Amino acid sequence: MSRRRPETSSRRGDRGSATIELVILLPALFAVMFIGVQAALYHHAREVAIAAAQEGARAAAGEHGSEAAGTTAATSFVADAGGDDVLANATVSTSRSAGTAVVIVTGRSLSVVPGWNPVVRQRASMPVERVTSP
């Protein structure tokens, strides 16, 4: 009669393999998760910046609009959208010529990576309204 080895001895080589798999996979999982969150934060900041620039351009391009009106409209839009919690250190520059009003909104997106805050810059332009006589 031959003795068989217990099956547990063949499984001894697998001991701790789940721990090793977790040590390898969890950092990769967290990296993917943080990249997704960072992409969402950047996208949201970019959308707020372009909406603020468009709002400022509309105010500056009105028949009685001005550069100051465009700057005020864009700045208040950023503040209403969350201010520094969405677009940190936001600055607005407005220019208006006889034919075009241009608003540029620049700021920094929030970041989940310490020390790295991506810059967001969006520009909107609109033709200046003019009343013409027939």
Protein backbone atom coordinates (compact mmCIF):
# COMPACT_ATOMS: atom_id res chain seq x y z
CA MET A 1 0.00 0.00 0.00
CA SER A 2 1.40 3.29 -0.98
CA ARG A 3 0.77 6.34 1.01
CA ARG A 4 -0.59 9.39 -0.67
CA ARG A 5 0.55 12.80 0.20
CA PRO A 6 -2.11 14.96 1.72
CA GLU A 7 -3.41 17.52 -0.71
CA THR A 8 -2.66 20.35 1.69
CA SER A 9 1.04 20.01 1.00
CA SER A 10 0.51 20.89 -2.67
CA ARG A 11 -1.41 24.00 -1.66
CA ARG A 12 1.29 25.28 0.67
CA GLY A 13 2.96 27.09 -2.22
CA ASP A 14 -0.18 29.25 -2.62
CA ARG A 15 -0.11 30.55 0.94
CA GLY A 16 0.04 34.33 1.04
CA SER A 17 -0.63 34.73 -2.66
CA ALA A 18 -3.78 36.79 -2.00
CA THR A 19 -1.76 39.22 0.10
CA ILE A 20 0.84 39.60 -2.62
CA GLU A 21 -1.87 40.14 -5.23
CA LEU A 22 -3.43 42.88 -3.08
CA VAL A 23 -0.06 44.56 -2.52
CA ILE A 24 0.44 44.69 -6.28
CA LEU A 25 -3.11 45.49 -7.39
CA LEU A 26 -4.26 48.04 -4.80
CA PRO A 27 -1.75 50.76 -5.73
CA ALA A 28 -2.72 50.33 -9.38
CA LEU A 29 -6.41 50.51 -8.46
CA PHE A 30 -5.87 53.66 -6.40
CA ALA A 31 -3.86 55.24 -9.22
CA VAL A 32 -6.69 54.61 -11.69
CA MET A 33 -9.21 55.99 -9.19
CA PHE A 34 -7.17 59.17 -8.55
CA ILE A 35 -6.65 59.71 -12.27
CA GLY A 36 -10.43 59.51 -12.76
CA VAL A 37 -11.11 61.99 -9.95
CA GLN A 38 -8.40 64.35 -11.26
CA ALA A 39 -9.85 64.22 -14.77
CA ALA A 40 -13.32 65.05 -13.40
CA LEU A 41 -11.99 68.00 -11.36
CA TYR A 42 -10.09 69.38 -14.36
CA HIS A 43 -13.08 68.96 -16.68
CA HIS A 44 -15.41 70.71 -14.23
CA ALA A 45 -13.00 73.63 -13.75
CA ARG A 46 -12.65 73.92 -17.52
CA GLU A 47 -16.43 73.97 -18.01
CA VAL A 48 -16.84 76.66 -15.33
CA ALA A 49 -14.09 78.75 -16.94
CA ILE A 50 -15.61 78.59 -20.44
CA ALA A 51 -19.10 79.35 -19.12
CA ALA A 52 -17.73 82.34 -17.18
CA ALA A 53 -15.87 83.59 -20.26
CA GLN A 54 -19.02 83.29 -22.37
CA GLU A 55 -21.07 85.11 -19.75
CA GLY A 56 -18.49 87.90 -19.58
CA ALA A 57 -18.32 88.15 -23.38
CA ARG A 58 -22.11 88.49 -23.57
CA ALA A 59 -22.04 91.32 -21.01
CA ALA A 60 -19.13 93.10 -22.72
CA ALA A 61 -20.57 92.71 -26.23
CA GLY A 62 -23.94 94.26 -25.43
CA GLU A 63 -24.87 97.54 -27.07
CA HIS A 64 -24.18 99.40 -23.84
CA GLY A 65 -21.65 96.86 -22.54
CA SER A 66 -18.11 97.59 -21.42
CA GLU A 67 -14.92 95.82 -20.42
CA ALA A 68 -15.82 96.38 -16.76
CA ALA A 69 -19.25 94.78 -17.27
CA GLY A 70 -17.64 91.74 -18.90
CA THR A 71 -15.10 91.35 -16.10
CA THR A 72 -17.78 91.71 -13.43
CA ALA A 73 -20.08 89.17 -15.10
CA ALA A 74 -17.32 86.58 -15.50
CA THR A 75 -15.99 87.07 -11.96
CA SER A 76 -19.44 86.76 -10.41
CA PHE A 77 -20.14 83.62 -12.48
CA VAL A 78 -17.01 81.95 -11.12
CA ALA A 79 -17.97 82.98 -7.58
CA ASP A 80 -21.52 81.60 -8.01
CA ALA A 81 -20.15 78.34 -9.43
CA GLY A 82 -18.05 77.69 -6.32
CA GLY A 83 -15.23 80.21 -6.44
CA ASP A 84 -11.88 78.89 -5.20
CA ASP A 85 -13.42 75.47 -4.52
CA VAL A 86 -13.80 74.97 -8.28
CA LEU A 87 -11.40 77.38 -10.01
CA ALA A 88 -8.68 78.59 -7.65
CA ASN A 89 -7.00 81.98 -8.18
CA ALA A 90 -9.30 82.85 -11.07
CA THR A 91 -8.40 85.95 -13.06
CA VAL A 92 -10.45 87.58 -15.79
CA SER A 93 -9.16 89.81 -18.57
CA THR A 94 -11.53 91.57 -20.91
CA SER A 95 -10.96 93.57 -24.08
CA ARG A 96 -13.49 95.25 -26.29
CA SER A 97 -12.89 96.78 -29.69
CA ALA A 98 -15.35 98.31 -32.14
CA GLY A 99 -16.25 94.89 -33.49
CA THR A 100 -15.39 92.21 -30.90
CA ALA A 101 -15.46 91.61 -27.17
CA VAL A 102 -13.01 89.02 -25.81
CA VAL A 103 -12.94 87.58 -22.28
CA ILE A 104 -10.21 85.25 -21.02
CA VAL A 105 -10.66 83.36 -17.73
CA THR A 106 -7.58 81.76 -16.18
CA GLY A 107 -7.33 79.77 -12.97
CA ARG A 108 -6.12 76.55 -11.42
CA SER A 109 -8.06 73.33 -11.13
CA LEU A 110 -8.19 71.59 -7.78
CA SER A 111 -5.96 68.56 -7.56
CA VAL A 112 -5.78 65.26 -5.69
CA VAL A 113 -2.04 65.16 -6.40
CA PRO A 114 -0.22 67.28 -3.81
CA GLY A 115 1.75 70.16 -5.29
CA TRP A 116 0.24 69.87 -8.78
CA ASN A 117 -2.56 72.23 -9.79
CA PRO A 118 -3.20 72.25 -13.54
CA VAL A 119 -3.82 75.62 -15.17
CA VAL A 120 -7.17 76.17 -16.87
CA ARG A 121 -7.48 78.92 -19.47
CA GLN A 122 -10.58 79.54 -21.56
CA ARG A 123 -11.39 82.30 -24.05
CA ALA A 124 -14.69 83.50 -25.46
CA SER A 125 -15.36 86.22 -28.01
CA MET A 126 -18.53 87.77 -29.36
CA PRO A 127 -19.30 90.43 -31.94
CA VAL A 128 -20.26 93.77 -30.40
CA GLU A 129 -23.91 94.69 -30.86
CA ARG A 130 -24.52 97.67 -33.12
CA VAL A 131 -27.76 99.36 -33.96
CA THR A 132 -27.97 100.42 -37.56
CA SER A 133 -30.62 102.56 -39.21
CA PRO A 134 -32.41 101.25 -42.30
